[in-house]
mmCIF file of all heavy atoms, coordinates in Angstrom:
data_MODEL
# 
_entry.id   MODEL 
# 
loop_
_atom_site.group_PDB 
_atom_site.id 
_atom_site.type_symbol 
_atom_site.label_atom_id 
_atom_site.label_alt_id 
_atom_site.label_comp_id 
_atom_site.label_asym_id 
_atom_site.label_entity_id 
_atom_site.label_seq_id 
_atom_site.pdbx_PDB_ins_code 
_atom_site.Cartn_x 
_atom_site.Cartn_y 
_atom_site.Cartn_z 
_atom_site.occupancy 
_atom_site.B_iso_or_equiv 
_atom_site.pdbx_formal_charge 
_atom_site.auth_seq_id 
_atom_site.auth_comp_id 
_atom_site.auth_asym_id 
_atom_site.auth_atom_id 
_atom_site.pdbx_PDB_model_num 
ATOM 1   N N   . ALA A 1 1  ? 40.227 -36.941 -49.370 1.00 0.00 ? 1  ALA A N   1 
ATOM 2   C CA  . ALA A 1 1  ? 40.209 -38.247 -50.042 1.00 0.00 ? 1  ALA A CA  1 
ATOM 3   C C   . ALA A 1 1  ? 41.564 -38.579 -50.646 1.00 0.00 ? 1  ALA A C   1 
ATOM 4   O O   . ALA A 1 1  ? 42.054 -39.712 -50.544 1.00 0.00 ? 1  ALA A O   1 
ATOM 5   C CB  . ALA A 1 1  ? 39.124 -38.256 -51.119 1.00 0.00 ? 1  ALA A CB  1 
ATOM 6   N N   . ILE A 1 2  ? 42.189 -37.594 -51.273 1.00 0.00 ? 2  ILE A N   1 
ATOM 7   C CA  . ILE A 1 2  ? 43.508 -37.803 -51.883 1.00 0.00 ? 2  ILE A CA  1 
ATOM 8   C C   . ILE A 1 2  ? 44.538 -38.154 -50.809 1.00 0.00 ? 2  ILE A C   1 
ATOM 9   O O   . ILE A 1 2  ? 45.367 -39.053 -50.985 1.00 0.00 ? 2  ILE A O   1 
ATOM 10  C CB  . ILE A 1 2  ? 43.934 -36.540 -52.660 1.00 0.00 ? 2  ILE A CB  1 
ATOM 11  C CG1 . ILE A 1 2  ? 43.063 -36.371 -53.913 1.00 0.00 ? 2  ILE A CG1 1 
ATOM 12  C CG2 . ILE A 1 2  ? 45.414 -36.608 -53.053 1.00 0.00 ? 2  ILE A CG2 1 
ATOM 13  C CD1 . ILE A 1 2  ? 43.227 -35.031 -54.596 1.00 0.00 ? 2  ILE A CD1 1 
ATOM 14  N N   . LYS A 1 3  ? 44.460 -37.464 -49.698 1.00 0.00 ? 3  LYS A N   1 
ATOM 15  C CA  . LYS A 1 3  ? 45.426 -37.648 -48.608 1.00 0.00 ? 3  LYS A CA  1 
ATOM 16  C C   . LYS A 1 3  ? 45.392 -39.058 -48.035 1.00 0.00 ? 3  LYS A C   1 
ATOM 17  O O   . LYS A 1 3  ? 46.424 -39.629 -47.672 1.00 0.00 ? 3  LYS A O   1 
ATOM 18  C CB  . LYS A 1 3  ? 45.113 -36.622 -47.506 1.00 0.00 ? 3  LYS A CB  1 
ATOM 19  C CG  . LYS A 1 3  ? 46.041 -36.636 -46.304 1.00 0.00 ? 3  LYS A CG  1 
ATOM 20  C CD  . LYS A 1 3  ? 45.611 -35.540 -45.342 1.00 0.00 ? 3  LYS A CD  1 
ATOM 21  C CE  . LYS A 1 3  ? 46.504 -35.478 -44.123 1.00 0.00 ? 3  LYS A CE  1 
ATOM 22  N NZ  . LYS A 1 3  ? 46.076 -34.419 -43.176 1.00 0.00 ? 3  LYS A NZ  1 
ATOM 23  N N   . PHE A 1 4  ? 44.175 -39.651 -47.989 1.00 0.00 ? 4  PHE A N   1 
ATOM 24  C CA  . PHE A 1 4  ? 44.026 -40.939 -47.309 1.00 0.00 ? 4  PHE A CA  1 
ATOM 25  C C   . PHE A 1 4  ? 43.835 -42.118 -48.261 1.00 0.00 ? 4  PHE A C   1 
ATOM 26  O O   . PHE A 1 4  ? 43.417 -43.193 -47.832 1.00 0.00 ? 4  PHE A O   1 
ATOM 27  C CB  . PHE A 1 4  ? 42.855 -40.874 -46.325 1.00 0.00 ? 4  PHE A CB  1 
ATOM 28  C CG  . PHE A 1 4  ? 43.125 -40.005 -45.138 1.00 0.00 ? 4  PHE A CG  1 
ATOM 29  C CD1 . PHE A 1 4  ? 42.575 -38.736 -45.043 1.00 0.00 ? 4  PHE A CD1 1 
ATOM 30  C CD2 . PHE A 1 4  ? 43.950 -40.441 -44.115 1.00 0.00 ? 4  PHE A CD2 1 
ATOM 31  C CE1 . PHE A 1 4  ? 42.832 -37.930 -43.958 1.00 0.00 ? 4  PHE A CE1 1 
ATOM 32  C CE2 . PHE A 1 4  ? 44.223 -39.647 -43.017 1.00 0.00 ? 4  PHE A CE2 1 
ATOM 33  C CZ  . PHE A 1 4  ? 43.664 -38.378 -42.934 1.00 0.00 ? 4  PHE A CZ  1 
ATOM 34  N N   . THR A 1 5  ? 44.123 -41.914 -49.548 1.00 0.00 ? 5  THR A N   1 
ATOM 35  C CA  . THR A 1 5  ? 43.996 -43.003 -50.515 1.00 0.00 ? 5  THR A CA  1 
ATOM 36  C C   . THR A 1 5  ? 45.364 -43.361 -51.082 1.00 0.00 ? 5  THR A C   1 
ATOM 37  O O   . THR A 1 5  ? 46.103 -42.480 -51.532 1.00 0.00 ? 5  THR A O   1 
ATOM 38  C CB  . THR A 1 5  ? 43.038 -42.607 -51.661 1.00 0.00 ? 5  THR A CB  1 
ATOM 39  O OG1 . THR A 1 5  ? 41.774 -42.226 -51.103 1.00 0.00 ? 5  THR A OG1 1 
ATOM 40  C CG2 . THR A 1 5  ? 42.829 -43.764 -52.622 1.00 0.00 ? 5  THR A CG2 1 
ATOM 41  N N   . GLU A 1 6  ? 45.693 -44.630 -51.056 1.00 0.00 ? 6  GLU A N   1 
ATOM 42  C CA  . GLU A 1 6  ? 46.998 -45.083 -51.530 1.00 0.00 ? 6  GLU A CA  1 
ATOM 43  C C   . GLU A 1 6  ? 47.064 -45.036 -53.054 1.00 0.00 ? 6  GLU A C   1 
ATOM 44  O O   . GLU A 1 6  ? 46.035 -45.124 -53.734 1.00 0.00 ? 6  GLU A O   1 
ATOM 45  C CB  . GLU A 1 6  ? 47.259 -46.510 -51.046 1.00 0.00 ? 6  GLU A CB  1 
ATOM 46  C CG  . GLU A 1 6  ? 47.362 -46.661 -49.535 1.00 0.00 ? 6  GLU A CG  1 
ATOM 47  C CD  . GLU A 1 6  ? 48.541 -45.883 -48.967 1.00 0.00 ? 6  GLU A CD  1 
ATOM 48  O OE1 . GLU A 1 6  ? 49.557 -45.748 -49.671 1.00 0.00 ? 6  GLU A OE1 1 
ATOM 49  O OE2 . GLU A 1 6  ? 48.438 -45.414 -47.817 1.00 0.00 ? 6  GLU A OE2 1 
ATOM 50  N N   . PRO A 1 7  ? 48.281 -44.907 -53.617 1.00 0.00 ? 7  PRO A N   1 
ATOM 51  C CA  . PRO A 1 7  ? 48.440 -44.924 -55.077 1.00 0.00 ? 7  PRO A CA  1 
ATOM 52  C C   . PRO A 1 7  ? 47.750 -46.129 -55.707 1.00 0.00 ? 7  PRO A C   1 
ATOM 53  O O   . PRO A 1 7  ? 47.801 -47.240 -55.175 1.00 0.00 ? 7  PRO A O   1 
ATOM 54  C CB  . PRO A 1 7  ? 49.970 -45.005 -55.246 1.00 0.00 ? 7  PRO A CB  1 
ATOM 55  C CG  . PRO A 1 7  ? 50.516 -44.324 -54.016 1.00 0.00 ? 7  PRO A CG  1 
ATOM 56  C CD  . PRO A 1 7  ? 49.569 -44.701 -52.912 1.00 0.00 ? 7  PRO A CD  1 
ATOM 57  N N   . GLY A 1 8  ? 47.088 -45.869 -56.844 1.00 0.00 ? 8  GLY A N   1 
ATOM 58  C CA  . GLY A 1 8  ? 46.332 -46.914 -57.503 1.00 0.00 ? 8  GLY A CA  1 
ATOM 59  C C   . GLY A 1 8  ? 44.864 -46.926 -57.123 1.00 0.00 ? 8  GLY A C   1 
ATOM 60  O O   . GLY A 1 8  ? 44.069 -47.646 -57.736 1.00 0.00 ? 8  GLY A O   1 
ATOM 61  N N   . GLY A 1 9  ? 44.507 -46.118 -56.135 1.00 0.00 ? 9  GLY A N   1 
ATOM 62  C CA  . GLY A 1 9  ? 43.130 -46.075 -55.670 1.00 0.00 ? 9  GLY A CA  1 
ATOM 63  C C   . GLY A 1 9  ? 42.248 -45.189 -56.532 1.00 0.00 ? 9  GLY A C   1 
ATOM 64  O O   . GLY A 1 9  ? 42.702 -44.569 -57.502 1.00 0.00 ? 9  GLY A O   1 
ATOM 65  N N   . GLU A 1 10 ? 40.971 -45.136 -56.173 1.00 0.00 ? 10 GLU A N   1 
ATOM 66  C CA  . GLU A 1 10 ? 40.000 -44.363 -56.936 1.00 0.00 ? 10 GLU A CA  1 
ATOM 67  C C   . GLU A 1 10 ? 39.237 -43.409 -56.025 1.00 0.00 ? 10 GLU A C   1 
ATOM 68  O O   . GLU A 1 10 ? 38.972 -43.725 -54.864 1.00 0.00 ? 10 GLU A O   1 
ATOM 69  C CB  . GLU A 1 10 ? 38.996 -45.283 -57.638 1.00 0.00 ? 10 GLU A CB  1 
ATOM 70  C CG  . GLU A 1 10 ? 39.596 -46.181 -58.697 1.00 0.00 ? 10 GLU A CG  1 
ATOM 71  C CD  . GLU A 1 10 ? 38.549 -47.058 -59.353 1.00 0.00 ? 10 GLU A CD  1 
ATOM 72  O OE1 . GLU A 1 10 ? 37.409 -47.117 -58.843 1.00 0.00 ? 10 GLU A OE1 1 
ATOM 73  O OE2 . GLU A 1 10 ? 38.870 -47.697 -60.376 1.00 0.00 ? 10 GLU A OE2 1 
ATOM 74  N N   . ILE A 1 11 ? 38.861 -42.263 -56.587 1.00 0.00 ? 11 ILE A N   1 
ATOM 75  C CA  . ILE A 1 11 ? 37.988 -41.307 -55.913 1.00 0.00 ? 11 ILE A CA  1 
ATOM 76  C C   . ILE A 1 11 ? 36.836 -41.029 -56.872 1.00 0.00 ? 11 ILE A C   1 
ATOM 77  O O   . ILE A 1 11 ? 37.054 -40.607 -58.005 1.00 0.00 ? 11 ILE A O   1 
ATOM 78  C CB  . ILE A 1 11 ? 38.734 -40.003 -55.569 1.00 0.00 ? 11 ILE A CB  1 
ATOM 79  C CG1 . ILE A 1 11 ? 39.874 -40.288 -54.590 1.00 0.00 ? 11 ILE A CG1 1 
ATOM 80  C CG2 . ILE A 1 11 ? 37.762 -38.978 -54.974 1.00 0.00 ? 11 ILE A CG2 1 
ATOM 81  C CD1 . ILE A 1 11 ? 40.800 -39.115 -54.380 1.00 0.00 ? 11 ILE A CD1 1 
ATOM 82  N N   . THR A 1 12 ? 35.628 -41.274 -56.407 1.00 0.00 ? 12 THR A N   1 
ATOM 83  C CA  . THR A 1 12 ? 34.445 -41.111 -57.250 1.00 0.00 ? 12 THR A CA  1 
ATOM 84  C C   . THR A 1 12 ? 33.592 -39.972 -56.732 1.00 0.00 ? 12 THR A C   1 
ATOM 85  O O   . THR A 1 12 ? 33.230 -39.945 -55.547 1.00 0.00 ? 12 THR A O   1 
ATOM 86  C CB  . THR A 1 12 ? 33.606 -42.404 -57.278 1.00 0.00 ? 12 THR A CB  1 
ATOM 87  O OG1 . THR A 1 12 ? 34.432 -43.486 -57.720 1.00 0.00 ? 12 THR A OG1 1 
ATOM 88  C CG2 . THR A 1 12 ? 32.426 -42.259 -58.219 1.00 0.00 ? 12 THR A CG2 1 
ATOM 89  N N   . VAL A 1 13 ? 33.279 -39.029 -57.614 1.00 0.00 ? 13 VAL A N   1 
ATOM 90  C CA  . VAL A 1 13 ? 32.433 -37.886 -57.272 1.00 0.00 ? 13 VAL A CA  1 
ATOM 91  C C   . VAL A 1 13 ? 31.114 -38.043 -58.012 1.00 0.00 ? 13 VAL A C   1 
ATOM 92  O O   . VAL A 1 13 ? 31.083 -38.153 -59.243 1.00 0.00 ? 13 VAL A O   1 
ATOM 93  C CB  . VAL A 1 13 ? 33.108 -36.555 -57.657 1.00 0.00 ? 13 VAL A CB  1 
ATOM 94  C CG1 . VAL A 1 13 ? 32.234 -35.375 -57.245 1.00 0.00 ? 13 VAL A CG1 1 
ATOM 95  C CG2 . VAL A 1 13 ? 34.486 -36.442 -57.005 1.00 0.00 ? 13 VAL A CG2 1 
ATOM 96  N N   . THR A 1 14 ? 30.022 -38.068 -57.256 1.00 0.00 ? 14 THR A N   1 
ATOM 97  C CA  . THR A 1 14 ? 28.702 -38.332 -57.826 1.00 0.00 ? 14 THR A CA  1 
ATOM 98  C C   . THR A 1 14 ? 27.755 -37.184 -57.503 1.00 0.00 ? 14 THR A C   1 
ATOM 99  O O   . THR A 1 14 ? 27.744 -36.666 -56.382 1.00 0.00 ? 14 THR A O   1 
ATOM 100 C CB  . THR A 1 14 ? 28.116 -39.637 -57.248 1.00 0.00 ? 14 THR A CB  1 
ATOM 101 O OG1 . THR A 1 14 ? 29.046 -40.703 -57.472 1.00 0.00 ? 14 THR A OG1 1 
ATOM 102 C CG2 . THR A 1 14 ? 26.787 -39.972 -57.899 1.00 0.00 ? 14 THR A CG2 1 
ATOM 103 N N   . GLY A 1 15 ? 26.956 -36.790 -58.485 1.00 0.00 ? 15 GLY A N   1 
ATOM 104 C CA  . GLY A 1 15 ? 25.916 -35.793 -58.274 1.00 0.00 ? 15 GLY A CA  1 
ATOM 105 C C   . GLY A 1 15 ? 24.553 -36.439 -58.386 1.00 0.00 ? 15 GLY A C   1 
ATOM 106 O O   . GLY A 1 15 ? 24.331 -37.308 -59.230 1.00 0.00 ? 15 GLY A O   1 
ATOM 107 N N   . SER A 1 16 ? 23.608 -36.018 -57.517 1.00 0.00 ? 16 SER A N   1 
ATOM 108 C CA  . SER A 1 16 ? 22.271 -36.605 -57.554 1.00 0.00 ? 16 SER A CA  1 
ATOM 109 C C   . SER A 1 16 ? 21.276 -35.681 -56.859 1.00 0.00 ? 16 SER A C   1 
ATOM 110 O O   . SER A 1 16 ? 21.649 -34.702 -56.210 1.00 0.00 ? 16 SER A O   1 
ATOM 111 C CB  . SER A 1 16 ? 22.266 -37.982 -56.876 1.00 0.00 ? 16 SER A CB  1 
ATOM 112 O OG  . SER A 1 16 ? 22.668 -37.858 -55.519 1.00 0.00 ? 16 SER A OG  1 
ATOM 113 N N   . ARG A 1 17 ? 19.999 -36.017 -57.037 1.00 0.00 ? 17 ARG A N   1 
ATOM 114 C CA  . ARG A 1 17 ? 18.918 -35.334 -56.334 1.00 0.00 ? 17 ARG A CA  1 
ATOM 115 C C   . ARG A 1 17 ? 18.298 -36.294 -55.339 1.00 0.00 ? 17 ARG A C   1 
ATOM 116 O O   . ARG A 1 17 ? 18.040 -37.448 -55.661 1.00 0.00 ? 17 ARG A O   1 
ATOM 117 C CB  . ARG A 1 17 ? 17.833 -34.875 -57.309 1.00 0.00 ? 17 ARG A CB  1 
ATOM 118 C CG  . ARG A 1 17 ? 18.169 -33.643 -58.119 1.00 0.00 ? 17 ARG A CG  1 
ATOM 119 C CD  . ARG A 1 17 ? 16.953 -33.227 -58.931 1.00 0.00 ? 17 ARG A CD  1 
ATOM 120 N NE  . ARG A 1 17 ? 17.201 -31.990 -59.658 1.00 0.00 ? 17 ARG A NE  1 
ATOM 121 C CZ  . ARG A 1 17 ? 16.274 -31.071 -59.876 1.00 0.00 ? 17 ARG A CZ  1 
ATOM 122 N NH1 . ARG A 1 17 ? 15.047 -31.254 -59.419 1.00 0.00 ? 17 ARG A NH1 1 
ATOM 123 N NH2 . ARG A 1 17 ? 16.553 -29.980 -60.558 1.00 0.00 ? 17 ARG A NH2 1 
ATOM 124 N N   . VAL A 1 18 ? 18.039 -35.792 -54.130 1.00 0.00 ? 18 VAL A N   1 
ATOM 125 C CA  . VAL A 1 18 ? 17.344 -36.589 -53.119 1.00 0.00 ? 18 VAL A CA  1 
ATOM 126 C C   . VAL A 1 18 ? 16.207 -35.722 -52.587 1.00 0.00 ? 18 VAL A C   1 
ATOM 127 O O   . VAL A 1 18 ? 16.426 -34.828 -51.766 1.00 0.00 ? 18 VAL A O   1 
ATOM 128 C CB  . VAL A 1 18 ? 18.287 -37.015 -51.975 1.00 0.00 ? 18 VAL A CB  1 
ATOM 129 C CG1 . VAL A 1 18 ? 17.526 -37.854 -50.951 1.00 0.00 ? 18 VAL A CG1 1 
ATOM 130 C CG2 . VAL A 1 18 ? 19.480 -37.786 -52.506 1.00 0.00 ? 18 VAL A CG2 1 
ATOM 131 N N   . GLY A 1 19 ? 15.014 -35.955 -53.078 1.00 0.00 ? 19 GLY A N   1 
ATOM 132 C CA  . GLY A 1 19 ? 13.893 -35.099 -52.700 1.00 0.00 ? 19 GLY A CA  1 
ATOM 133 C C   . GLY A 1 19 ? 14.132 -33.671 -53.178 1.00 0.00 ? 19 GLY A C   1 
ATOM 134 O O   . GLY A 1 19 ? 14.369 -33.435 -54.365 1.00 0.00 ? 19 GLY A O   1 
ATOM 135 N N   . GLN A 1 20 ? 14.090 -32.729 -52.251 1.00 0.00 ? 20 GLN A N   1 
ATOM 136 C CA  . GLN A 1 20 ? 14.332 -31.319 -52.568 1.00 0.00 ? 20 GLN A CA  1 
ATOM 137 C C   . GLN A 1 20 ? 15.774 -30.910 -52.265 1.00 0.00 ? 20 GLN A C   1 
ATOM 138 O O   . GLN A 1 20 ? 16.055 -29.728 -52.092 1.00 0.00 ? 20 GLN A O   1 
ATOM 139 C CB  . GLN A 1 20 ? 13.357 -30.433 -51.768 1.00 0.00 ? 20 GLN A CB  1 
ATOM 140 C CG  . GLN A 1 20 ? 11.904 -30.644 -52.137 1.00 0.00 ? 20 GLN A CG  1 
ATOM 141 C CD  . GLN A 1 20 ? 11.647 -30.402 -53.616 1.00 0.00 ? 20 GLN A CD  1 
ATOM 142 O OE1 . GLN A 1 20 ? 12.021 -29.373 -54.158 1.00 0.00 ? 20 GLN A OE1 1 
ATOM 143 N NE2 . GLN A 1 20 ? 11.022 -31.378 -54.275 1.00 0.00 ? 20 GLN A NE2 1 
ATOM 144 N N   . GLN A 1 21 ? 16.660 -31.893 -52.216 1.00 0.00 ? 21 GLN A N   1 
ATOM 145 C CA  . GLN A 1 21 ? 18.060 -31.635 -51.910 1.00 0.00 ? 21 GLN A CA  1 
ATOM 146 C C   . GLN A 1 21 ? 18.947 -32.009 -53.092 1.00 0.00 ? 21 GLN A C   1 
ATOM 147 O O   . GLN A 1 21 ? 18.717 -33.011 -53.772 1.00 0.00 ? 21 GLN A O   1 
ATOM 148 C CB  . GLN A 1 21 ? 18.501 -32.444 -50.682 1.00 0.00 ? 21 GLN A CB  1 
ATOM 149 C CG  . GLN A 1 21 ? 17.683 -32.206 -49.427 1.00 0.00 ? 21 GLN A CG  1 
ATOM 150 C CD  . GLN A 1 21 ? 17.982 -30.865 -48.785 1.00 0.00 ? 21 GLN A CD  1 
ATOM 151 O OE1 . GLN A 1 21 ? 19.127 -30.450 -48.714 1.00 0.00 ? 21 GLN A OE1 1 
ATOM 152 N NE2 . GLN A 1 21 ? 16.943 -30.193 -48.318 1.00 0.00 ? 21 GLN A NE2 1 
ATOM 153 N N   . ALA A 1 22 ? 19.963 -31.185 -53.323 1.00 0.00 ? 22 ALA A N   1 
ATOM 154 C CA  . ALA A 1 22 ? 21.023 -31.532 -54.268 1.00 0.00 ? 22 ALA A CA  1 
ATOM 155 C C   . ALA A 1 22 ? 22.148 -32.190 -53.475 1.00 0.00 ? 22 ALA A C   1 
ATOM 156 O O   . ALA A 1 22 ? 22.518 -31.713 -52.406 1.00 0.00 ? 22 ALA A O   1 
ATOM 157 C CB  . ALA A 1 22 ? 21.532 -30.285 -54.977 1.00 0.00 ? 22 ALA A CB  1 
ATOM 158 N N   . MET A 1 23 ? 22.687 -33.294 -53.990 1.00 0.00 ? 23 MET A N   1 
ATOM 159 C CA  . MET A 1 23 ? 23.704 -34.038 -53.245 1.00 0.00 ? 23 MET A CA  1 
ATOM 160 C C   . MET A 1 23 ? 24.975 -34.229 -54.073 1.00 0.00 ? 23 MET A C   1 
ATOM 161 O O   . MET A 1 23 ? 24.909 -34.535 -55.262 1.00 0.00 ? 23 MET A O   1 
ATOM 162 C CB  . MET A 1 23 ? 23.168 -35.414 -52.820 1.00 0.00 ? 23 MET A CB  1 
ATOM 163 C CG  . MET A 1 23 ? 24.194 -36.281 -52.113 1.00 0.00 ? 23 MET A CG  1 
ATOM 164 S SD  . MET A 1 23 ? 23.556 -37.922 -51.644 1.00 0.00 ? 23 MET A SD  1 
ATOM 165 C CE  . MET A 1 23 ? 22.492 -37.464 -50.275 1.00 0.00 ? 23 MET A CE  1 
ATOM 166 N N   . ILE A 1 24 ? 26.106 -34.030 -53.412 1.00 0.00 ? 24 ILE A N   1 
ATOM 167 C CA  . ILE A 1 24 ? 27.412 -34.381 -53.972 1.00 0.00 ? 24 ILE A CA  1 
ATOM 168 C C   . ILE A 1 24 ? 28.037 -35.412 -53.049 1.00 0.00 ? 24 ILE A C   1 
ATOM 169 O O   . ILE A 1 24 ? 28.156 -35.186 -51.841 1.00 0.00 ? 24 ILE A O   1 
ATOM 170 C CB  . ILE A 1 24 ? 28.334 -33.156 -54.086 1.00 0.00 ? 24 ILE A CB  1 
ATOM 171 C CG1 . ILE A 1 24 ? 27.762 -32.122 -55.047 1.00 0.00 ? 24 ILE A CG1 1 
ATOM 172 C CG2 . ILE A 1 24 ? 29.731 -33.600 -54.550 1.00 0.00 ? 24 ILE A CG2 1 
ATOM 173 C CD1 . ILE A 1 24 ? 27.634 -32.573 -56.489 1.00 0.00 ? 24 ILE A CD1 1 
ATOM 174 N N   . THR A 1 25 ? 28.417 -36.547 -53.617 1.00 0.00 ? 25 THR A N   1 
ATOM 175 C CA  . THR A 1 25 ? 29.043 -37.618 -52.842 1.00 0.00 ? 25 THR A CA  1 
ATOM 176 C C   . THR A 1 25 ? 30.483 -37.802 -53.295 1.00 0.00 ? 25 THR A C   1 
ATOM 177 O O   . THR A 1 25 ? 30.755 -37.860 -54.494 1.00 0.00 ? 25 THR A O   1 
ATOM 178 C CB  . THR A 1 25 ? 28.281 -38.945 -53.044 1.00 0.00 ? 25 THR A CB  1 
ATOM 179 O OG1 . THR A 1 25 ? 26.923 -38.760 -52.673 1.00 0.00 ? 25 THR A OG1 1 
ATOM 180 C CG2 . THR A 1 25 ? 28.886 -40.048 -52.197 1.00 0.00 ? 25 THR A CG2 1 
# 
């Protein structure tokens, strides 16, 4: 994400549950 994002951009990391799965986005 860092490599392909231009200066001034944002990277958002989200944690959540989806059913019986843990998710990182």
